[in-house]
Amino acid sequence: MIEQLLANHIKIYLTKETNSVLLDVRTSEELSEIGRPDGEKIGLKTYFLPIKSGHERSLDKDFIKKFKELNIDKDQKILIICRSGIRSQLAAELLVKENYNCINILDGFEGNCENVGWKEAGLPC
């Protein structure tokens, strides 16, 4: 079971868990058109690696290989974010199989019908 975290709880989470990084799995188009999280401002080294690619947004079969090239330690907790929490959940499931410790940001960058997301939670962009 992947741990879930709402964006508006991230600052509280970071007071207890300092060995964490942020992984944004959205496409480069989303980052340029919608914005990107600036996790560095709250102590989160931030990585960007799309889990889906192409116009059809199909799963990048080399996602795990590319992720491993980021050299993120397995002892770090990886907070994973996408637009609304679905792709980040998929990424977390794939990475947990590789023995990484992952937390899905349930409402993503833009939020979902129930929660506000990173951008509206007042987190740095």
N, C-alpha and C. Protein backbone atom coordinates (compact mmCIF):
# COMPACT_ATOMS: atom_id res chain seq x y z
N MET A 1 0.84 -1.18 0.00
CA MET A 1 0.00 0.00 0.00
C MET A 1 0.88 1.24 0.00
N ILE A 2 0.64 2.13 -0.93
CA ILE A 2 1.41 3.37 -1.04
C ILE A 2 0.84 4.40 -0.08
N GLU A 3 1.71 5.02 0.71
CA GLU A 3 1.28 6.09 1.60
C GLU A 3 0.80 7.27 0.76
N GLN A 4 -0.28 7.93 1.22
CA GLN A 4 -0.87 9.06 0.52
C GLN A 4 -0.68 10.32 1.37
N LEU A 5 -0.42 11.45 0.73
CA LEU A 5 -0.21 12.71 1.43
C LEU A 5 -0.88 13.82 0.64
N LEU A 6 -1.67 14.64 1.31
CA LEU A 6 -2.28 15.80 0.66
C LEU A 6 -1.26 16.93 0.59
N ALA A 7 -1.33 17.71 -0.46
CA ALA A 7 -0.37 18.80 -0.64
C ALA A 7 -0.37 19.77 0.53
N ASN A 8 -1.54 20.06 1.09
CA ASN A 8 -1.56 21.03 2.18
C ASN A 8 -1.01 20.47 3.50
N HIS A 9 -0.58 19.21 3.51
CA HIS A 9 0.06 18.61 4.68
C HIS A 9 1.57 18.44 4.49
N ILE A 10 2.09 18.85 3.36
CA ILE A 10 3.51 18.64 3.06
C ILE A 10 4.42 19.38 4.04
N LYS A 11 4.13 20.62 4.35
CA LYS A 11 5.00 21.37 5.26
C LYS A 11 5.05 20.72 6.64
N ILE A 12 3.93 20.23 7.12
CA ILE A 12 3.91 19.53 8.41
C ILE A 12 4.72 18.23 8.31
N TYR A 13 4.53 17.50 7.23
CA TYR A 13 5.28 16.26 6.98
C TYR A 13 6.78 16.53 7.03
N LEU A 14 7.23 17.62 6.42
CA LEU A 14 8.66 17.92 6.35
C LEU A 14 9.26 18.30 7.70
N THR A 15 8.46 18.68 8.68
CA THR A 15 9.00 18.95 10.01
C THR A 15 9.42 17.65 10.69
N LYS A 16 8.86 16.52 10.26
CA LYS A 16 9.17 15.22 10.85
C LYS A 16 10.11 14.40 9.96
N GLU A 17 9.99 14.57 8.67
CA GLU A 17 10.76 13.78 7.70
C GLU A 17 11.65 14.70 6.87
N THR A 18 12.89 14.79 7.23
CA THR A 18 13.80 15.70 6.53
C THR A 18 14.58 15.03 5.41
N ASN A 19 14.55 13.71 5.35
CA ASN A 19 15.30 12.99 4.32
C ASN A 19 14.37 12.61 3.17
N SER A 20 13.81 13.62 2.52
CA SER A 20 12.84 13.41 1.45
C SER A 20 13.23 14.22 0.22
N VAL A 21 12.76 13.74 -0.93
CA VAL A 21 12.93 14.46 -2.20
C VAL A 21 11.57 14.50 -2.88
N LEU A 22 11.46 15.35 -3.89
CA LEU A 22 10.22 15.48 -4.66
C LEU A 22 10.49 15.05 -6.10
N LEU A 23 9.61 14.22 -6.62
CA LEU A 23 9.69 13.77 -8.01
C LEU A 23 8.41 14.14 -8.72
N ASP A 24 8.51 15.00 -9.73
CA ASP A 24 7.37 15.40 -10.55
C ASP A 24 7.40 14.55 -11.82
N VAL A 25 6.33 13.80 -12.06
CA VAL A 25 6.30 12.88 -13.20
C VAL A 25 5.43 13.39 -14.36
N ARG A 26 5.11 14.68 -14.35
CA ARG A 26 4.32 15.26 -15.44
C ARG A 26 5.20 15.48 -16.68
N THR A 27 4.55 15.75 -17.79
CA THR A 27 5.27 15.99 -19.04
C THR A 27 5.92 17.37 -19.04
N SER A 28 6.90 17.55 -19.91
CA SER A 28 7.56 18.86 -20.02
C SER A 28 6.57 19.92 -20.49
N GLU A 29 5.58 19.54 -21.30
CA GLU A 29 4.56 20.49 -21.73
C GLU A 29 3.75 20.98 -20.53
N GLU A 30 3.39 20.09 -19.65
CA GLU A 30 2.64 20.48 -18.45
C GLU A 30 3.46 21.42 -17.58
N LEU A 31 4.74 21.11 -17.44
CA LEU A 31 5.60 21.96 -16.62
C LEU A 31 5.68 23.37 -17.18
N SER A 32 5.80 23.49 -18.51
CA SER A 32 5.94 24.81 -19.10
C SER A 32 4.61 25.56 -19.18
N GLU A 33 3.51 24.85 -19.37
CA GLU A 33 2.21 25.50 -19.52
C GLU A 33 1.51 25.78 -18.19
N ILE A 34 1.66 24.89 -17.24
CA ILE A 34 0.90 24.98 -15.99
C ILE A 34 1.74 25.45 -14.82
N GLY A 35 3.02 25.14 -14.87
CA GLY A 35 3.91 25.51 -13.78
C GLY A 35 4.57 24.30 -13.17
N ARG A 36 5.54 24.59 -12.33
CA ARG A 36 6.28 23.50 -11.69
C ARG A 36 6.48 23.82 -10.22
N PRO A 37 6.52 22.78 -9.40
CA PRO A 37 6.76 23.00 -7.98
C PRO A 37 8.22 23.39 -7.74
N ASP A 38 8.44 24.29 -6.82
CA ASP A 38 9.80 24.67 -6.43
C ASP A 38 10.06 24.11 -5.03
N GLY A 39 10.23 22.81 -4.98
CA GLY A 39 10.44 22.13 -3.72
C GLY A 39 11.68 22.59 -2.97
N GLU A 40 12.66 23.09 -3.71
CA GLU A 40 13.90 23.55 -3.09
C GLU A 40 13.62 24.61 -2.02
N LYS A 41 12.60 25.42 -2.22
CA LYS A 41 12.27 26.50 -1.28
C LYS A 41 11.76 25.99 0.05
N ILE A 42 11.33 24.72 0.09
CA ILE A 42 10.88 24.13 1.36
C ILE A 42 11.75 22.93 1.75
N GLY A 43 12.95 22.87 1.19
CA GLY A 43 13.90 21.84 1.57
C GLY A 43 13.78 20.51 0.85
N LEU A 44 13.08 20.49 -0.28
CA LEU A 44 12.93 19.26 -1.06
C LEU A 44 13.72 19.35 -2.36
N LYS A 45 14.79 18.59 -2.46
CA LYS A 45 15.46 18.51 -3.75
C LYS A 45 14.43 17.99 -4.73
N THR A 46 14.31 18.64 -5.88
CA THR A 46 13.23 18.33 -6.81
C THR A 46 13.77 17.79 -8.13
N TYR A 47 13.14 16.71 -8.57
CA TYR A 47 13.50 16.05 -9.83
C TYR A 47 12.27 16.06 -10.74
N PHE A 48 12.52 16.10 -12.03
CA PHE A 48 11.45 16.05 -13.03
C PHE A 48 11.74 14.90 -13.98
N LEU A 49 10.82 13.95 -14.06
CA LEU A 49 10.98 12.79 -14.93
C LEU A 49 9.59 12.30 -15.35
N PRO A 50 9.19 12.56 -16.60
CA PRO A 50 7.86 12.14 -17.05
C PRO A 50 7.71 10.63 -17.03
N ILE A 51 6.57 10.16 -16.55
CA ILE A 51 6.30 8.73 -16.57
C ILE A 51 5.61 8.33 -17.87
N LYS A 52 4.98 9.29 -18.52
CA LYS A 52 4.33 9.02 -19.79
C LYS A 52 4.90 9.97 -20.84
N SER A 53 4.91 9.49 -22.08
CA SER A 53 5.49 10.32 -23.14
C SER A 53 4.68 10.20 -24.42
N GLY A 54 4.99 11.06 -25.36
CA GLY A 54 4.33 11.04 -26.65
C GLY A 54 2.96 11.69 -26.62
N HIS A 55 2.40 11.88 -27.79
CA HIS A 55 1.09 12.52 -27.90
C HIS A 55 0.00 11.65 -27.23
N GLU A 56 0.17 10.34 -27.29
CA GLU A 56 -0.80 9.43 -26.70
C GLU A 56 -0.60 9.27 -25.20
N ARG A 57 0.49 9.84 -24.69
CA ARG A 57 0.86 9.73 -23.28
C ARG A 57 0.90 8.28 -22.82
N SER A 58 1.68 7.49 -23.53
CA SER A 58 1.84 6.10 -23.15
C SER A 58 2.97 5.98 -22.13
N LEU A 59 2.90 4.94 -21.34
CA LEU A 59 3.89 4.70 -20.30
C LEU A 59 5.28 4.61 -20.91
N ASP A 60 6.21 5.36 -20.34
CA ASP A 60 7.61 5.32 -20.80
C ASP A 60 8.22 4.03 -20.29
N LYS A 61 8.50 3.11 -21.21
CA LYS A 61 9.02 1.80 -20.82
C LYS A 61 10.39 1.89 -20.15
N ASP A 62 11.07 3.01 -20.30
CA ASP A 62 12.39 3.19 -19.68
C ASP A 62 12.33 4.05 -18.41
N PHE A 63 11.13 4.23 -17.86
CA PHE A 63 10.98 5.09 -16.69
C PHE A 63 11.88 4.66 -15.53
N ILE A 64 11.87 3.38 -15.20
CA ILE A 64 12.68 2.89 -14.07
C ILE A 64 14.16 3.09 -14.35
N LYS A 65 14.59 2.79 -15.55
CA LYS A 65 16.00 2.97 -15.92
C LYS A 65 16.40 4.44 -15.78
N LYS A 66 15.58 5.33 -16.32
CA LYS A 66 15.87 6.77 -16.23
C LYS A 66 15.83 7.25 -14.78
N PHE A 67 14.90 6.72 -14.00
CA PHE A 67 14.83 7.09 -12.59
C PHE A 67 16.12 6.71 -11.87
N LYS A 68 16.60 5.51 -12.10
CA LYS A 68 17.82 5.06 -11.43
C LYS A 68 19.02 5.93 -11.79
N GLU A 69 19.00 6.53 -12.97
CA GLU A 69 20.08 7.44 -13.38
C GLU A 69 20.08 8.74 -12.57
N LEU A 70 18.98 9.03 -11.87
CA LEU A 70 18.92 10.21 -11.00
C LEU A 70 19.73 10.02 -9.72
N ASN A 71 20.09 8.76 -9.42
CA ASN A 71 20.89 8.42 -8.24
C ASN A 71 20.27 8.88 -6.93
N ILE A 72 18.98 8.65 -6.77
CA ILE A 72 18.29 8.94 -5.51
C ILE A 72 18.50 7.75 -4.59
N ASP A 73 18.97 8.03 -3.38
CA ASP A 73 19.24 6.96 -2.41
C ASP A 73 17.95 6.27 -1.99
N LYS A 74 18.05 4.96 -1.78
CA LYS A 74 16.88 4.19 -1.37
C LYS A 74 16.46 4.50 0.07
N ASP A 75 17.31 5.16 0.84
CA ASP A 75 16.91 5.52 2.20
C ASP A 75 16.12 6.83 2.25
N GLN A 76 16.02 7.53 1.13
CA GLN A 76 15.24 8.77 1.08
C GLN A 76 13.78 8.45 0.78
N LYS A 77 12.89 9.24 1.33
CA LYS A 77 11.48 9.12 0.98
C LYS A 77 11.24 9.98 -0.25
N ILE A 78 10.53 9.42 -1.21
CA ILE A 78 10.28 10.11 -2.47
C ILE A 78 8.82 10.52 -2.52
N LEU A 79 8.58 11.83 -2.45
CA LEU A 79 7.24 12.36 -2.62
C LEU A 79 7.03 12.53 -4.11
N ILE A 80 6.00 11.89 -4.64
CA ILE A 80 5.79 11.89 -6.08
C ILE A 80 4.52 12.67 -6.40
N ILE A 81 4.64 13.55 -7.41
CA ILE A 81 3.54 14.43 -7.78
C ILE A 81 3.30 14.38 -9.29
N CYS A 82 2.03 14.53 -9.66
CA CYS A 82 1.65 14.72 -11.07
C CYS A 82 0.56 15.78 -11.08
N ARG A 83 -0.30 15.77 -12.04
CA ARG A 83 -1.35 16.79 -12.10
C ARG A 83 -2.37 16.61 -10.99
N SER A 84 -2.90 15.37 -10.86
CA SER A 84 -3.98 15.17 -9.88
C SER A 84 -3.82 13.92 -9.02
N GLY A 85 -2.69 13.24 -9.10
CA GLY A 85 -2.43 12.11 -8.21
C GLY A 85 -2.52 10.73 -8.84
N ILE A 86 -2.88 10.64 -10.11
CA ILE A 86 -3.04 9.32 -10.73
C ILE A 86 -1.72 8.78 -11.28
N ARG A 87 -1.03 9.57 -12.09
CA ARG A 87 0.26 9.12 -12.63
C ARG A 87 1.29 8.97 -11.51
N SER A 88 1.21 9.83 -10.52
CA SER A 88 2.17 9.72 -9.40
C SER A 88 1.94 8.43 -8.63
N GLN A 89 0.69 7.99 -8.52
CA GLN A 89 0.40 6.72 -7.87
C GLN A 89 1.03 5.58 -8.66
N LEU A 90 0.89 5.62 -9.97
CA LEU A 90 1.48 4.61 -10.84
C LEU A 90 3.00 4.59 -10.67
N ALA A 91 3.62 5.77 -10.68
CA ALA A 91 5.08 5.85 -10.51
C ALA A 91 5.49 5.28 -9.16
N ALA A 92 4.73 5.61 -8.12
CA ALA A 92 5.04 5.09 -6.78
C ALA A 92 4.96 3.57 -6.77
N GLU A 93 3.95 3.01 -7.38
CA GLU A 93 3.81 1.55 -7.43
C GLU A 93 4.99 0.90 -8.13
N LEU A 94 5.44 1.50 -9.24
CA LEU A 94 6.59 0.95 -9.97
C LEU A 94 7.87 1.05 -9.14
N LEU A 95 8.06 2.17 -8.46
CA LEU A 95 9.29 2.38 -7.69
C LEU A 95 9.33 1.57 -6.41
N VAL A 96 8.18 1.34 -5.80
CA VAL A 96 8.14 0.50 -4.59
C VAL A 96 8.59 -0.92 -4.94
N LYS A 97 8.26 -1.39 -6.12
CA LYS A 97 8.72 -2.72 -6.57
C LYS A 97 10.24 -2.78 -6.68
N GLU A 98 10.87 -1.60 -6.82
CA GLU A 98 12.33 -1.52 -6.90
C GLU A 98 12.94 -1.18 -5.53
N ASN A 99 12.11 -1.30 -4.48
CA ASN A 99 12.53 -1.08 -3.09
C ASN A 99 12.80 0.37 -2.72
N TYR A 100 12.12 1.30 -3.39
CA TYR A 100 12.19 2.70 -3.00
C TYR A 100 11.01 2.99 -2.07
N ASN A 101 11.18 3.97 -1.22
CA ASN A 101 10.15 4.36 -0.26
C ASN A 101 9.40 5.57 -0.83
N CYS A 102 8.17 5.37 -1.29
CA CYS A 102 7.44 6.40 -2.02
C CYS A 102 6.17 6.83 -1.31
N ILE A 103 5.86 8.10 -1.49
CA ILE A 103 4.62 8.67 -0.98
C ILE A 103 3.96 9.41 -2.15
N ASN A 104 2.70 9.11 -2.38
CA ASN A 104 1.96 9.75 -3.45
C ASN A 104 1.32 11.04 -2.93
N ILE A 105 1.55 12.15 -3.63
CA ILE A 105 0.84 13.39 -3.31
C ILE A 105 -0.53 13.26 -3.98
N LEU A 106 -1.49 12.93 -3.15
CA LEU A 106 -2.81 12.49 -3.58
C LEU A 106 -3.55 13.49 -4.47
N ASP A 107 -3.39 14.77 -4.21
CA ASP A 107 -4.12 15.77 -4.99
C ASP A 107 -3.26 16.46 -6.03
N GLY A 108 -2.02 16.04 -6.18
CA GLY A 108 -1.16 16.52 -7.25
C GLY A 108 -0.86 18.00 -7.24
N PHE A 109 -0.43 18.49 -8.38
CA PHE A 109 -0.05 19.89 -8.52
C PHE A 109 -1.27 20.79 -8.65
N GLU A 110 -2.26 20.34 -9.41
CA GLU A 110 -3.43 21.18 -9.69
C GLU A 110 -4.63 20.87 -8.82
N GLY A 111 -4.58 19.81 -8.05
CA GLY A 111 -5.71 19.43 -7.22
C GLY A 111 -6.66 18.51 -7.95
N ASN A 112 -7.66 18.06 -7.21
CA ASN A 112 -8.70 17.21 -7.78
C ASN A 112 -10.04 17.70 -7.27
N CYS A 113 -11.09 16.98 -7.49
CA CYS A 113 -12.42 17.47 -7.12
C CYS A 113 -12.60 17.60 -5.61
N GLU A 114 -11.71 16.99 -4.83
CA GLU A 114 -11.86 17.03 -3.37
C GLU A 114 -10.83 17.88 -2.66
N ASN A 115 -9.65 18.04 -3.23
CA ASN A 115 -8.55 18.72 -2.54
C ASN A 115 -7.84 19.72 -3.45
N VAL A 116 -7.11 20.65 -2.85
CA VAL A 116 -6.62 21.82 -3.59
C VAL A 116 -5.36 21.60 -4.42
N GLY A 117 -4.49 20.69 -4.04
CA GLY A 117 -3.25 20.49 -4.78
C GLY A 117 -2.15 21.46 -4.38
N TRP A 118 -0.94 21.19 -4.87
CA TRP A 118 0.26 21.96 -4.54
C TRP A 118 0.07 23.46 -4.80
N LYS A 119 -0.38 23.78 -6.00
CA LYS A 119 -0.46 25.18 -6.45
C LYS A 119 -1.37 26.00 -5.55
N GLU A 120 -2.55 25.50 -5.24
CA GLU A 120 -3.52 26.24 -4.43
C GLU A 120 -3.27 26.10 -2.93
N ALA A 121 -2.40 25.19 -2.53
CA ALA A 121 -2.07 25.02 -1.10
C ALA A 121 -1.05 26.06 -0.65
N GLY A 122 -0.61 26.90 -1.59
CA GLY A 122 0.35 27.95 -1.25
C GLY A 122 1.79 27.47 -1.19
N LEU A 123 2.05 26.32 -1.78
CA LEU A 123 3.42 25.81 -1.84
C LEU A 123 4.16 26.51 -2.97
N PRO A 124 5.48 26.62 -2.87
CA PRO A 124 6.23 27.42 -3.86
C PRO A 124 6.22 26.84 -5.28
N CYS A 125 6.03 27.74 -6.24
CA CYS A 125 6.03 27.37 -7.66
C CYS A 125 7.05 28.23 -8.38
